[in-house]
Amino acid sequence: MRRTSRLSITIHRGQYARSHWRSLILATLLIFLGIAYSIVSAQRRHVGPNDSKADSWHWQVFRGPDGDFTLAFPGKPKAQSASPGPVTEIRSFDLTTAEGMNFSINFHDIGGDPRSSQNNEWGADLEKALSDADRSQGFHVVQVHRLAKNLVQSEIWQDVPESNSRINYLRRSIIRRGRIYTLACGWVVNEKTVNKATCSRFFGSMHFITKPNHRP
């Protein structure tokens, strides 16, 4: 009887893990589509070239609304309209410079125990799943790298038919304590190659606060 019970528990855990992973992939894809739409929206808002230079940007630290992270933007980011997520709303903040470089972050919770391993590291086949999904949307995936167990970064070229343009950006996805954070950085200017040094500065400025207010 004990063996049967243990087997049932093992099967149940395996089914839960698979279901959770599928939900996680769907949630991440939803985020990525939101990022793509946000970048296109930023391109619409961008009025054209400006003579100011990147080295004149005033970087300032933005603190997440729940107090769980800080991130430096080259200016003050604006809150965008929240969109429905699988568990909580997807909240977004972004900034587009006068030169046409866009910086953004969005995040949402996925539920479950924030201390569990599956809520703190990506599954083994994430890169393929995300690349396949990007390509199915017509995006050109230049490269995908896993930089840490909970961090994956992609370089994307996205066609924007309405402006007859192609835009290039980097996207970094982090899972931590049951929350997915997605950062994006790149130009909204046609055919302009992403400035990787500037994006690295943006991505690298993100710091997590040890005891976030939104979770114990």
N, C-alpha and C. Protein backbone atom coordinates (compact mmCIF):
# COMPACT_ATOMS: atom_id res chain seq x y z
N MET A 1 0.83 -1.21 0.00
CA MET A 1 0.00 0.00 0.00
C MET A 1 0.87 1.26 0.00
N ARG A 2 1.95 1.22 0.78
CA ARG A 2 2.85 2.37 0.83
C ARG A 2 3.48 2.64 -0.54
N ARG A 3 3.87 1.52 -1.22
CA ARG A 3 4.49 1.69 -2.53
C ARG A 3 3.53 2.38 -3.50
N THR A 4 2.27 1.95 -3.47
CA THR A 4 1.27 2.55 -4.34
C THR A 4 1.12 4.04 -4.04
N SER A 5 1.08 4.39 -2.76
CA SER A 5 0.93 5.79 -2.36
C SER A 5 2.11 6.61 -2.83
N ARG A 6 3.32 6.06 -2.64
CA ARG A 6 4.50 6.80 -3.08
C ARG A 6 4.52 6.98 -4.59
N LEU A 7 4.10 5.94 -5.33
CA LEU A 7 4.04 6.02 -6.78
C LEU A 7 3.04 7.08 -7.20
N SER A 8 1.89 7.11 -6.53
CA SER A 8 0.86 8.09 -6.86
C SER A 8 1.38 9.50 -6.63
N ILE A 9 2.10 9.68 -5.53
CA ILE A 9 2.65 11.01 -5.23
C ILE A 9 3.66 11.41 -6.28
N THR A 10 4.51 10.45 -6.70
CA THR A 10 5.52 10.74 -7.72
C THR A 10 4.88 11.12 -9.04
N ILE A 11 3.85 10.38 -9.45
CA ILE A 11 3.14 10.68 -10.69
C ILE A 11 2.49 12.05 -10.61
N HIS A 12 1.86 12.32 -9.47
CA HIS A 12 1.18 13.61 -9.29
C HIS A 12 2.19 14.75 -9.39
N ARG A 13 3.33 14.59 -8.77
CA ARG A 13 4.34 15.64 -8.82
C ARG A 13 4.86 15.84 -10.24
N GLY A 14 5.04 14.73 -10.96
CA GLY A 14 5.50 14.84 -12.35
C GLY A 14 4.49 15.54 -13.22
N GLN A 15 3.20 15.21 -13.04
CA GLN A 15 2.14 15.86 -13.81
C GLN A 15 2.06 17.34 -13.49
N TYR A 16 2.21 17.65 -12.19
CA TYR A 16 2.18 19.07 -11.79
C TYR A 16 3.35 19.84 -12.41
N ALA A 17 4.53 19.22 -12.39
CA ALA A 17 5.72 19.88 -12.94
C ALA A 17 5.54 20.16 -14.43
N ARG A 18 5.01 19.17 -15.18
CA ARG A 18 4.80 19.37 -16.62
C ARG A 18 3.76 20.45 -16.88
N SER A 19 2.68 20.42 -16.10
CA SER A 19 1.64 21.42 -16.26
C SER A 19 2.16 22.81 -15.93
N HIS A 20 2.94 22.89 -14.86
CA HIS A 20 3.53 24.18 -14.46
C HIS A 20 4.47 24.69 -15.54
N TRP A 21 5.27 23.79 -16.14
CA TRP A 21 6.21 24.20 -17.17
C TRP A 21 5.49 24.71 -18.40
N ARG A 22 4.40 24.04 -18.80
CA ARG A 22 3.62 24.50 -19.94
C ARG A 22 3.03 25.88 -19.66
N SER A 23 2.51 26.08 -18.45
CA SER A 23 1.95 27.37 -18.08
C SER A 23 3.03 28.45 -18.08
N LEU A 24 4.22 28.06 -17.63
CA LEU A 24 5.34 29.00 -17.59
C LEU A 24 5.73 29.44 -18.99
N ILE A 25 5.81 28.50 -19.92
CA ILE A 25 6.14 28.82 -21.31
C ILE A 25 5.10 29.75 -21.90
N LEU A 26 3.82 29.45 -21.69
CA LEU A 26 2.75 30.28 -22.24
C LEU A 26 2.82 31.69 -21.66
N ALA A 27 3.10 31.78 -20.35
CA ALA A 27 3.20 33.09 -19.70
C ALA A 27 4.36 33.89 -20.27
N THR A 28 5.48 33.20 -20.52
CA THR A 28 6.66 33.88 -21.06
C THR A 28 6.40 34.36 -22.49
N LEU A 29 5.73 33.54 -23.28
CA LEU A 29 5.41 33.93 -24.65
C LEU A 29 4.48 35.13 -24.67
N LEU A 30 3.55 35.17 -23.73
CA LEU A 30 2.64 36.30 -23.62
C LEU A 30 3.43 37.58 -23.34
N ILE A 31 4.42 37.47 -22.47
CA ILE A 31 5.28 38.60 -22.15
C ILE A 31 6.02 39.06 -23.40
N PHE A 32 6.57 38.11 -24.17
CA PHE A 32 7.37 38.45 -25.35
C PHE A 32 6.53 39.16 -26.41
N LEU A 33 5.29 38.72 -26.57
CA LEU A 33 4.40 39.40 -27.52
C LEU A 33 4.13 40.83 -27.05
N GLY A 34 4.02 40.98 -25.73
CA GLY A 34 3.83 42.31 -25.17
C GLY A 34 5.03 43.20 -25.42
N ILE A 35 6.23 42.63 -25.28
CA ILE A 35 7.46 43.38 -25.56
C ILE A 35 7.49 43.82 -27.02
N ALA A 36 7.16 42.90 -27.93
CA ALA A 36 7.17 43.23 -29.36
C ALA A 36 6.20 44.36 -29.66
N TYR A 37 5.01 44.30 -29.08
CA TYR A 37 4.01 45.35 -29.30
C TYR A 37 4.49 46.67 -28.71
N SER A 38 5.10 46.61 -27.52
CA SER A 38 5.59 47.81 -26.86
C SER A 38 6.65 48.51 -27.68
N ILE A 39 7.55 47.73 -28.30
CA ILE A 39 8.61 48.32 -29.12
C ILE A 39 8.03 48.98 -30.36
N VAL A 40 7.05 48.33 -30.96
CA VAL A 40 6.39 48.93 -32.13
C VAL A 40 5.68 50.22 -31.73
N SER A 41 5.04 50.22 -30.56
CA SER A 41 4.38 51.43 -30.07
C SER A 41 5.39 52.55 -29.84
N ALA A 42 6.56 52.17 -29.31
CA ALA A 42 7.62 53.17 -29.09
C ALA A 42 8.09 53.75 -30.41
N GLN A 43 8.13 52.91 -31.45
CA GLN A 43 8.53 53.41 -32.76
C GLN A 43 7.51 54.44 -33.27
N ARG A 44 6.24 54.19 -33.03
CA ARG A 44 5.21 55.14 -33.46
C ARG A 44 5.37 56.48 -32.74
N ARG A 45 5.75 56.42 -31.45
CA ARG A 45 5.88 57.65 -30.68
C ARG A 45 7.14 58.42 -31.02
N HIS A 46 8.15 57.74 -31.56
CA HIS A 46 9.43 58.39 -31.85
C HIS A 46 9.27 59.33 -33.03
N VAL A 47 9.64 60.60 -32.82
CA VAL A 47 9.37 61.61 -33.84
C VAL A 47 10.48 61.73 -34.88
N GLY A 48 11.66 61.20 -34.62
CA GLY A 48 12.73 61.28 -35.61
C GLY A 48 14.07 61.54 -34.95
N PRO A 49 15.12 61.68 -35.75
CA PRO A 49 16.46 61.84 -35.21
C PRO A 49 16.61 63.12 -34.40
N ASN A 50 17.53 63.07 -33.45
CA ASN A 50 17.82 64.21 -32.60
C ASN A 50 19.33 64.32 -32.46
N ASP A 51 19.83 65.53 -32.28
CA ASP A 51 21.27 65.74 -32.24
C ASP A 51 21.92 65.39 -30.91
N SER A 52 21.13 65.13 -29.87
CA SER A 52 21.73 64.81 -28.57
C SER A 52 22.44 63.47 -28.63
N LYS A 53 23.42 63.27 -27.77
CA LYS A 53 24.25 62.08 -27.79
C LYS A 53 23.99 61.19 -26.58
N ALA A 54 24.29 59.90 -26.76
CA ALA A 54 24.07 58.94 -25.68
C ALA A 54 24.88 59.28 -24.44
N ASP A 55 26.08 59.84 -24.63
CA ASP A 55 26.92 60.12 -23.47
C ASP A 55 26.39 61.30 -22.65
N SER A 56 25.35 61.97 -23.16
CA SER A 56 24.75 63.06 -22.40
C SER A 56 23.52 62.60 -21.61
N TRP A 57 23.16 61.33 -21.75
CA TRP A 57 22.00 60.83 -21.02
C TRP A 57 22.24 60.88 -19.52
N HIS A 58 21.19 61.18 -18.80
CA HIS A 58 21.26 61.20 -17.34
C HIS A 58 20.64 59.91 -16.80
N TRP A 59 21.48 58.97 -16.44
CA TRP A 59 20.99 57.70 -15.93
C TRP A 59 20.47 57.88 -14.51
N GLN A 60 19.31 57.32 -14.25
CA GLN A 60 18.73 57.41 -12.91
C GLN A 60 18.14 56.06 -12.51
N VAL A 61 18.21 55.78 -11.22
CA VAL A 61 17.77 54.48 -10.70
C VAL A 61 16.26 54.48 -10.50
N PHE A 62 15.63 53.49 -11.12
CA PHE A 62 14.19 53.27 -10.98
C PHE A 62 13.99 52.13 -9.99
N ARG A 63 13.10 52.30 -9.03
CA ARG A 63 12.78 51.26 -8.06
C ARG A 63 11.44 50.65 -8.41
N GLY A 64 11.40 49.31 -8.50
CA GLY A 64 10.16 48.63 -8.84
C GLY A 64 9.05 48.98 -7.88
N PRO A 65 7.80 49.01 -8.34
CA PRO A 65 6.67 49.43 -7.49
C PRO A 65 6.45 48.55 -6.27
N ASP A 66 6.93 47.29 -6.31
CA ASP A 66 6.81 46.40 -5.16
C ASP A 66 8.07 46.40 -4.30
N GLY A 67 9.06 47.19 -4.70
CA GLY A 67 10.29 47.26 -3.93
C GLY A 67 11.17 46.04 -4.05
N ASP A 68 11.01 45.24 -5.12
CA ASP A 68 11.79 44.01 -5.25
C ASP A 68 13.01 44.15 -6.15
N PHE A 69 13.16 45.28 -6.86
CA PHE A 69 14.33 45.46 -7.72
C PHE A 69 14.58 46.94 -7.97
N THR A 70 15.80 47.23 -8.42
CA THR A 70 16.13 48.56 -8.94
C THR A 70 16.75 48.38 -10.31
N LEU A 71 16.61 49.39 -11.17
CA LEU A 71 17.11 49.32 -12.54
C LEU A 71 17.38 50.74 -13.03
N ALA A 72 18.53 50.96 -13.65
CA ALA A 72 18.88 52.30 -14.11
C ALA A 72 18.43 52.52 -15.55
N PHE A 73 17.67 53.58 -15.76
CA PHE A 73 17.23 54.02 -17.09
C PHE A 73 17.94 55.34 -17.43
N PRO A 74 18.12 55.64 -18.72
CA PRO A 74 18.70 56.93 -19.10
C PRO A 74 17.64 58.05 -19.11
N GLY A 75 16.91 58.15 -18.02
CA GLY A 75 15.81 59.09 -17.90
C GLY A 75 14.74 58.46 -17.02
N LYS A 76 13.60 59.10 -16.94
CA LYS A 76 12.51 58.58 -16.10
C LYS A 76 11.55 57.74 -16.94
N PRO A 77 11.44 56.43 -16.65
CA PRO A 77 10.53 55.58 -17.43
C PRO A 77 9.06 55.89 -17.11
N LYS A 78 8.21 55.58 -18.06
CA LYS A 78 6.78 55.79 -17.88
C LYS A 78 6.07 54.46 -17.71
N ALA A 79 5.10 54.44 -16.81
CA ALA A 79 4.27 53.25 -16.64
C ALA A 79 3.34 53.13 -17.84
N GLN A 80 3.24 51.91 -18.38
CA GLN A 80 2.33 51.63 -19.48
C GLN A 80 1.08 50.94 -18.93
N SER A 81 0.06 50.87 -19.73
CA SER A 81 -1.18 50.23 -19.28
C SER A 81 -0.92 48.76 -18.96
N ALA A 82 -1.42 48.32 -17.82
CA ALA A 82 -1.27 46.91 -17.44
C ALA A 82 -2.12 46.04 -18.34
N SER A 83 -1.67 44.81 -18.57
CA SER A 83 -2.42 43.86 -19.38
C SER A 83 -2.64 42.58 -18.58
N PRO A 84 -3.66 41.81 -18.91
CA PRO A 84 -3.94 40.59 -18.14
C PRO A 84 -2.82 39.57 -18.24
N GLY A 85 -2.49 38.94 -17.12
CA GLY A 85 -1.51 37.86 -17.09
C GLY A 85 -2.18 36.61 -16.57
N PRO A 86 -1.47 35.50 -16.55
CA PRO A 86 -2.07 34.23 -16.11
C PRO A 86 -2.46 34.22 -14.64
N VAL A 87 -1.73 34.96 -13.80
CA VAL A 87 -2.03 35.01 -12.37
C VAL A 87 -2.24 36.45 -11.91
N THR A 88 -1.29 37.31 -12.23
CA THR A 88 -1.41 38.73 -11.89
C THR A 88 -1.28 39.55 -13.18
N GLU A 89 -1.58 40.83 -13.09
CA GLU A 89 -1.43 41.70 -14.24
C GLU A 89 0.04 41.82 -14.65
N ILE A 90 0.26 42.04 -15.94
CA ILE A 90 1.60 42.30 -16.46
C ILE A 90 1.80 43.81 -16.43
N ARG A 91 2.76 44.23 -15.61
CA ARG A 91 3.03 45.67 -15.48
C ARG A 91 4.30 46.02 -16.27
N SER A 92 4.27 47.17 -16.91
CA SER A 92 5.36 47.56 -17.81
C SER A 92 5.78 49.00 -17.58
N PHE A 93 7.08 49.23 -17.77
CA PHE A 93 7.65 50.57 -17.71
C PHE A 93 8.64 50.69 -18.86
N ASP A 94 8.61 51.83 -19.57
CA ASP A 94 9.58 51.97 -20.65
C ASP A 94 9.97 53.42 -20.89
N LEU A 95 11.04 53.58 -21.64
CA LEU A 95 11.57 54.89 -21.98
C LEU A 95 12.18 54.81 -23.37
N THR A 96 11.86 55.77 -24.22
CA THR A 96 12.51 55.89 -25.54
C THR A 96 13.24 57.23 -25.58
N THR A 97 14.52 57.19 -25.85
CA THR A 97 15.32 58.41 -25.89
C THR A 97 15.02 59.21 -27.16
N ALA A 98 15.49 60.44 -27.19
CA ALA A 98 15.29 61.30 -28.36
C ALA A 98 15.96 60.71 -29.59
N GLU A 99 17.02 59.93 -29.38
CA GLU A 99 17.73 59.31 -30.51
C GLU A 99 17.01 58.08 -31.05
N GLY A 100 16.04 57.57 -30.28
CA GLY A 100 15.28 56.42 -30.75
C GLY A 100 15.70 55.09 -30.16
N MET A 101 16.32 55.12 -28.97
CA MET A 101 16.68 53.86 -28.32
C MET A 101 15.68 53.59 -27.20
N ASN A 102 15.13 52.39 -27.20
CA ASN A 102 14.07 52.03 -26.27
C ASN A 102 14.59 51.10 -25.17
N PHE A 103 14.16 51.37 -23.94
CA PHE A 103 14.51 50.55 -22.78
C PHE A 103 13.20 50.21 -22.07
N SER A 104 13.02 48.94 -21.70
CA SER A 104 11.76 48.58 -21.06
C SER A 104 11.93 47.40 -20.11
N ILE A 105 10.98 47.30 -19.20
CA ILE A 105 10.89 46.13 -18.32
C ILE A 105 9.41 45.85 -18.09
N ASN A 106 9.05 44.58 -18.07
CA ASN A 106 7.74 44.20 -17.58
C ASN A 106 7.87 42.97 -16.70
N PHE A 107 6.87 42.71 -15.89
CA PHE A 107 6.96 41.63 -14.91
C PHE A 107 5.57 41.21 -14.46
N HIS A 108 5.49 39.97 -14.02
CA HIS A 108 4.24 39.45 -13.46
C HIS A 108 4.56 38.18 -12.70
N ASP A 109 3.63 37.77 -11.83
CA ASP A 109 3.80 36.57 -11.01
C ASP A 109 3.17 35.36 -11.70
N ILE A 110 3.73 34.19 -11.40
CA ILE A 110 3.23 32.97 -12.03
C ILE A 110 2.62 31.99 -11.03
N GLY A 111 2.61 32.34 -9.75
CA GLY A 111 2.00 31.49 -8.74
C GLY A 111 2.93 30.40 -8.25
N GLY A 112 2.49 29.67 -7.25
CA GLY A 112 3.29 28.60 -6.68
C GLY A 112 4.22 29.09 -5.57
N ASP A 113 5.01 28.17 -5.07
CA ASP A 113 5.94 28.46 -3.98
C ASP A 113 7.11 29.28 -4.53
N PRO A 114 7.32 30.50 -4.07
CA PRO A 114 8.43 31.31 -4.60
C PRO A 114 9.80 30.73 -4.30
N ARG A 115 9.87 29.77 -3.36
CA ARG A 115 11.16 29.18 -3.00
C ARG A 115 11.48 27.91 -3.79
N SER A 116 10.52 27.41 -4.55
CA SER A 116 10.74 26.16 -5.28
C SER A 116 11.72 26.37 -6.43
N SER A 117 12.42 25.29 -6.81
CA SER A 117 13.41 25.39 -7.88
C SER A 117 12.76 25.77 -9.21
N GLN A 118 11.56 25.26 -9.48
CA GLN A 118 10.92 25.55 -10.77
C GLN A 118 10.45 26.99 -10.86
N ASN A 119 10.42 27.70 -9.75
CA ASN A 119 10.09 29.12 -9.77
C ASN A 119 11.33 30.00 -9.65
N ASN A 120 12.50 29.36 -9.80
CA ASN A 120 13.76 30.10 -9.70
C ASN A 120 14.77 29.71 -10.77
N GLU A 121 14.38 28.83 -11.67
CA GLU A 121 15.28 28.48 -12.78
C GLU A 121 14.46 28.03 -13.98
N TRP A 122 14.98 28.31 -15.16
CA TRP A 122 14.30 27.93 -16.39
C TRP A 122 14.51 26.45 -16.68
N GLY A 123 13.55 25.85 -17.37
CA GLY A 123 13.66 24.46 -17.77
C GLY A 123 14.71 24.27 -18.85
N ALA A 124 15.11 23.02 -19.08
CA ALA A 124 16.22 22.71 -19.98
C ALA A 124 15.93 23.08 -21.44
N ASP A 125 14.67 23.05 -21.86
CA ASP A 125 14.35 23.27 -23.28
C ASP A 125 13.76 24.65 -23.55
N LEU A 126 13.99 25.60 -22.63
CA LEU A 126 13.40 26.92 -22.80
C LEU A 126 13.88 27.61 -24.07
N GLU A 127 15.18 27.56 -24.34
CA GLU A 127 15.72 28.27 -25.49
C GLU A 127 15.04 27.85 -26.79
N LYS A 128 14.87 26.56 -26.98
CA LYS A 128 14.22 26.07 -28.20
C LYS A 128 12.75 26.50 -28.26
N ALA A 129 12.07 26.40 -27.14
CA ALA A 129 10.65 26.77 -27.11
C ALA A 129 10.45 28.24 -27.46
N LEU A 130 11.31 29.09 -26.92
CA LEU A 130 11.17 30.52 -27.17
C LEU A 130 11.59 30.88 -28.59
N SER A 131 12.66 30.25 -29.07
CA SER A 131 13.11 30.51 -30.44
C SER A 131 12.04 30.09 -31.44
N ASP A 132 11.46 28.92 -31.22
CA ASP A 132 10.39 28.45 -32.10
C ASP A 132 9.21 29.42 -32.10
N ALA A 133 8.87 29.90 -30.92
CA ALA A 133 7.74 30.83 -30.82
C ALA A 133 8.05 32.15 -31.51
N ASP A 134 9.27 32.66 -31.33
CA ASP A 134 9.66 33.91 -31.99
C ASP A 134 9.59 33.76 -33.51
N ARG A 135 10.13 32.66 -34.01
CA ARG A 135 10.14 32.44 -35.46
C ARG A 135 8.72 32.28 -36.00
N SER A 136 7.85 31.70 -35.20
CA SER A 136 6.46 31.54 -35.65
C SER A 136 5.76 32.89 -35.79
N GLN A 137 6.27 33.91 -35.09
CA GLN A 137 5.74 35.26 -35.21
C GLN A 137 6.41 36.05 -36.33
N GLY A 138 7.36 35.40 -37.01
CA GLY A 138 8.05 36.07 -38.11
C GLY A 138 9.28 36.83 -37.70
N PHE A 139 9.73 36.67 -36.42
CA PHE A 139 10.93 37.35 -35.96
C PHE A 139 12.16 36.57 -36.39
N HIS A 140 13.24 37.29 -36.65
CA HIS A 140 14.52 36.64 -36.94
C HIS A 140 15.32 36.55 -35.65
N VAL A 141 15.60 35.34 -35.20
CA VAL A 141 16.34 35.12 -33.97
C VAL A 141 17.82 35.01 -34.32
N VAL A 142 18.61 36.00 -33.91
CA VAL A 142 20.04 36.00 -34.19
C VAL A 142 20.75 35.00 -33.29
N GLN A 143 20.44 35.05 -32.01
CA GLN A 143 21.07 34.14 -31.06
C GLN A 143 20.28 34.10 -29.76
N VAL A 144 20.43 32.99 -29.04
CA VAL A 144 19.82 32.83 -27.72
C VAL A 144 20.89 32.25 -26.81
N HIS A 145 21.08 32.86 -25.66
CA HIS A 145 22.08 32.38 -24.72
C HIS A 145 21.48 32.24 -23.33
N ARG A 146 21.82 31.15 -22.65
CA ARG A 146 21.48 31.02 -21.24
C ARG A 146 22.68 31.54 -20.45
N LEU A 147 22.48 32.64 -19.75
CA LEU A 147 23.57 33.28 -19.03
C LEU A 147 23.65 32.83 -17.58
N ALA A 148 22.56 32.27 -17.08
CA ALA A 148 22.51 31.72 -15.72
C ALA A 148 21.31 30.78 -15.68
N LYS A 149 21.17 30.04 -14.60
CA LYS A 149 20.08 29.06 -14.54
C LYS A 149 18.70 29.72 -14.61
N ASN A 150 18.65 31.01 -14.25
CA ASN A 150 17.36 31.71 -14.27
C ASN A 150 17.34 32.86 -15.26
N LEU A 151 18.29 32.88 -16.20
CA LEU A 151 18.42 34.04 -17.10
C LEU A 151 18.73 33.59 -18.53
N VAL A 152 17.90 34.04 -19.47
CA VAL A 152 18.09 33.75 -20.89
C VAL A 152 18.04 35.06 -21.66
N GLN A 153 18.95 35.23 -22.62
CA GLN A 153 18.99 36.45 -23.42
C GLN A 153 18.93 36.13 -24.90
N SER A 154 18.14 36.91 -25.64
CA SER A 154 17.98 36.71 -27.08
C SER A 154 18.26 38.02 -27.82
N GLU A 155 18.74 37.87 -29.06
CA GLU A 155 18.83 39.02 -29.95
C GLU A 155 17.83 38.80 -31.08
N ILE A 156 17.03 39.82 -31.35
CA ILE A 156 15.91 39.71 -32.28
C ILE A 156 15.96 40.82 -33.33
N TRP A 157 15.60 40.46 -34.56
CA TRP A 157 15.24 41.44 -35.59
C TRP A 157 13.75 41.27 -35.84
N GLN A 158 13.02 42.36 -35.74
CA GLN A 158 11.57 42.30 -35.90
C GLN A 158 11.13 43.20 -37.05
N ASP A 159 10.38 42.64 -37.99
CA ASP A 159 9.82 43.43 -39.08
C ASP A 159 8.59 44.18 -38.59
N VAL A 160 8.48 45.44 -38.99
CA VAL A 160 7.31 46.26 -38.66
C VAL A 160 6.66 46.69 -39.98
N PRO A 161 5.70 45.92 -40.48
CA PRO A 161 5.12 46.19 -41.80
C PRO A 161 4.51 47.58 -41.95
N GLU A 162 3.89 48.08 -40.89
CA GLU A 162 3.20 49.37 -41.01
C GLU A 162 4.14 50.53 -41.27
N SER A 163 5.43 50.39 -40.87
CA SER A 163 6.41 51.44 -41.14
C SER A 163 7.47 50.97 -42.14
N ASN A 164 7.27 49.75 -42.67
CA ASN A 164 8.21 49.17 -43.62
C ASN A 164 9.65 49.22 -43.09
N SER A 165 9.80 48.77 -41.86
CA SER A 165 11.11 48.85 -41.21
C SER A 165 11.45 47.55 -40.47
N ARG A 166 12.72 47.44 -40.10
CA ARG A 166 13.20 46.31 -39.29
C ARG A 166 13.92 46.90 -38.08
N ILE A 167 13.58 46.41 -36.91
CA ILE A 167 14.20 46.92 -35.69
C ILE A 167 14.91 45.79 -34.96
N ASN A 168 15.99 46.15 -34.31
CA ASN A 168 16.90 45.19 -33.69
C ASN A 168 16.94 45.46 -32.19
N TYR A 169 16.78 44.40 -31.38
CA TYR A 169 16.84 44.60 -29.93
C TYR A 169 17.30 43.34 -29.21
N LEU A 170 17.74 43.53 -27.98
CA LEU A 170 18.09 42.44 -27.09
C LEU A 170 16.97 42.27 -26.07
N ARG A 171 16.73 41.04 -25.68
CA ARG A 171 15.68 40.73 -24.71
C ARG A 171 16.24 39.81 -23.64
N ARG A 172 16.07 40.16 -22.41
CA ARG A 172 16.59 39.35 -21.31
C ARG A 172 15.44 38.93 -20.41
N SER A 173 15.36 37.62 -20.14
CA SER A 173 14.25 37.08 -19.34
C SER A 173 14.79 36.42 -18.08
N ILE A 174 14.23 36.83 -16.96
CA ILE A 174 14.68 36.35 -15.65
C ILE A 174 13.49 35.79 -14.90
N ILE A 175 13.68 34.62 -14.29
CA ILE A 175 12.66 34.08 -13.39
C ILE A 175 13.26 34.05 -11.99
N ARG A 176 12.54 34.63 -11.04
CA ARG A 176 13.05 34.71 -9.67
C ARG A 176 11.88 34.76 -8.70
N ARG A 177 11.86 33.83 -7.78
CA ARG A 177 10.85 33.77 -6.73
C ARG A 177 9.42 33.85 -7.29
N GLY A 178 9.18 33.08 -8.35
CA GLY A 178 7.83 33.00 -8.91
C GLY A 178 7.40 34.23 -9.67
N ARG A 179 8.36 35.04 -10.09
CA ARG A 179 8.04 36.22 -10.89
C ARG A 179 8.94 36.23 -12.12
N ILE A 180 8.36 36.56 -13.27
CA ILE A 180 9.12 36.67 -14.51
C ILE A 180 9.34 38.15 -14.82
N TYR A 181 10.60 38.49 -15.04
CA TYR A 181 10.98 39.85 -15.42
C TYR A 181 11.54 39.78 -16.85
N THR A 182 11.06 40.64 -17.73
CA THR A 182 11.58 40.68 -19.09
C THR A 182 12.03 42.10 -19.41
N LEU A 183 13.31 42.23 -19.74
CA LEU A 183 13.89 43.51 -20.11
C LEU A 183 14.16 43.51 -21.60
N ALA A 184 13.99 44.64 -22.24
CA ALA A 184 14.31 44.76 -23.66
C ALA A 184 15.04 46.08 -23.88
N CYS A 185 15.95 46.06 -24.86
CA CYS A 185 16.77 47.23 -25.13
C CYS A 185 17.16 47.21 -26.61
N GLY A 186 16.90 48.31 -27.31
CA GLY A 186 17.28 48.38 -28.72
C GLY A 186 16.72 49.61 -29.39
N TRP A 187 17.08 49.76 -30.65
CA TRP A 187 16.65 50.91 -31.43
C TRP A 187 15.25 50.70 -32.00
N VAL A 188 14.50 51.80 -32.12
CA VAL A 188 13.24 51.75 -32.86
C VAL A 188 13.45 52.41 -34.23
N VAL A 189 14.73 52.61 -34.60
CA VAL A 189 15.11 53.21 -35.86
C VAL A 189 15.37 52.11 -36.88
N ASN A 190 14.86 52.27 -38.09
CA ASN A 190 14.96 51.25 -39.12
C ASN A 190 16.40 50.81 -39.38
N GLU A 191 16.63 49.50 -39.32
CA GLU A 191 17.89 48.86 -39.69
C GLU A 191 19.10 49.29 -38.83
N LYS A 192 18.85 49.89 -37.70
CA LYS A 192 19.96 50.32 -36.85
C LYS A 192 20.32 49.19 -35.89
N THR A 193 21.58 48.77 -35.94
CA THR A 193 22.03 47.64 -35.12
C THR A 193 22.07 48.01 -33.65
N VAL A 194 21.61 47.09 -32.82
CA VAL A 194 21.53 47.33 -31.38
C VAL A 194 22.90 47.70 -30.79
N ASN A 195 22.89 48.64 -29.88
CA ASN A 195 24.10 49.05 -29.18
C ASN A 195 24.28 48.13 -27.97
N LYS A 196 25.09 47.09 -28.12
CA LYS A 196 25.19 46.07 -27.09
C LYS A 196 25.85 46.58 -25.82
N ALA A 197 26.77 47.53 -25.95
CA ALA A 197 27.43 48.07 -24.76
C ALA A 197 26.42 48.82 -23.88
N THR A 198 25.57 49.62 -24.53
CA THR A 198 24.57 50.37 -23.77
C THR A 198 23.53 49.43 -23.16
N CYS A 199 23.14 48.42 -23.93
CA CYS A 199 22.17 47.46 -23.41
C CYS A 199 22.75 46.66 -22.24
N SER A 200 24.03 46.34 -22.33
CA SER A 200 24.68 45.63 -21.23
C SER A 200 24.68 46.48 -19.97
N ARG A 201 24.89 47.78 -20.15
CA ARG A 201 24.84 48.68 -19.00
C ARG A 201 23.44 48.67 -18.39
N PHE A 202 22.43 48.73 -19.24
CA PHE A 202 21.04 48.72 -18.77
C PHE A 202 20.73 47.41 -18.04
N PHE A 203 21.01 46.29 -18.70
CA PHE A 203 20.72 44.99 -18.09
C PHE A 203 21.50 44.79 -16.79
N GLY A 204 22.77 45.17 -16.83
CA GLY A 204 23.63 44.95 -15.67
C GLY A 204 23.31 45.81 -14.48
N SER A 205 22.52 46.86 -14.70
CA SER A 205 22.17 47.74 -13.59
C SER A 205 21.04 47.18 -12.72
N MET A 206 20.44 46.07 -13.15
CA MET A 206 19.32 45.52 -12.38
C MET A 206 19.83 44.81 -11.15
N HIS A 207 19.28 45.19 -10.01
CA HIS A 207 19.65 44.57 -8.73
C HIS A 207 18.38 44.20 -7.98
N PHE A 208 18.39 43.00 -7.44
CA PHE A 208 17.23 42.54 -6.69
C PHE A 208 17.42 42.86 -5.21
N ILE A 209 16.32 43.21 -4.59
CA ILE A 209 16.32 43.51 -3.16
C ILE A 209 15.99 42.22 -2.43
N THR A 210 16.77 41.91 -1.43
CA THR A 210 16.75 40.59 -0.78
C THR A 210 15.38 40.20 -0.26
N LYS A 211 14.70 41.11 0.36
CA LYS A 211 13.39 40.78 0.95
C LYS A 211 12.31 41.66 0.32
N PRO A 212 11.83 41.24 -0.87
CA PRO A 212 10.80 42.05 -1.55
C PRO A 212 9.54 42.15 -0.71
N ASN A 213 8.87 43.29 -0.83
CA ASN A 213 7.67 43.53 -0.03
C ASN A 213 6.50 42.65 -0.46
N HIS A 214 6.50 42.23 -1.73
CA HIS A 214 5.31 41.53 -2.23
C HIS A 214 5.30 40.05 -1.89
N ARG A 215 6.40 39.51 -1.33
CA ARG A 215 6.41 38.11 -0.94
C ARG A 215 7.22 37.93 0.34
N PRO A 216 6.87 36.92 1.18
CA PRO A 216 7.60 36.70 2.43
C PRO A 216 9.00 36.20 2.20
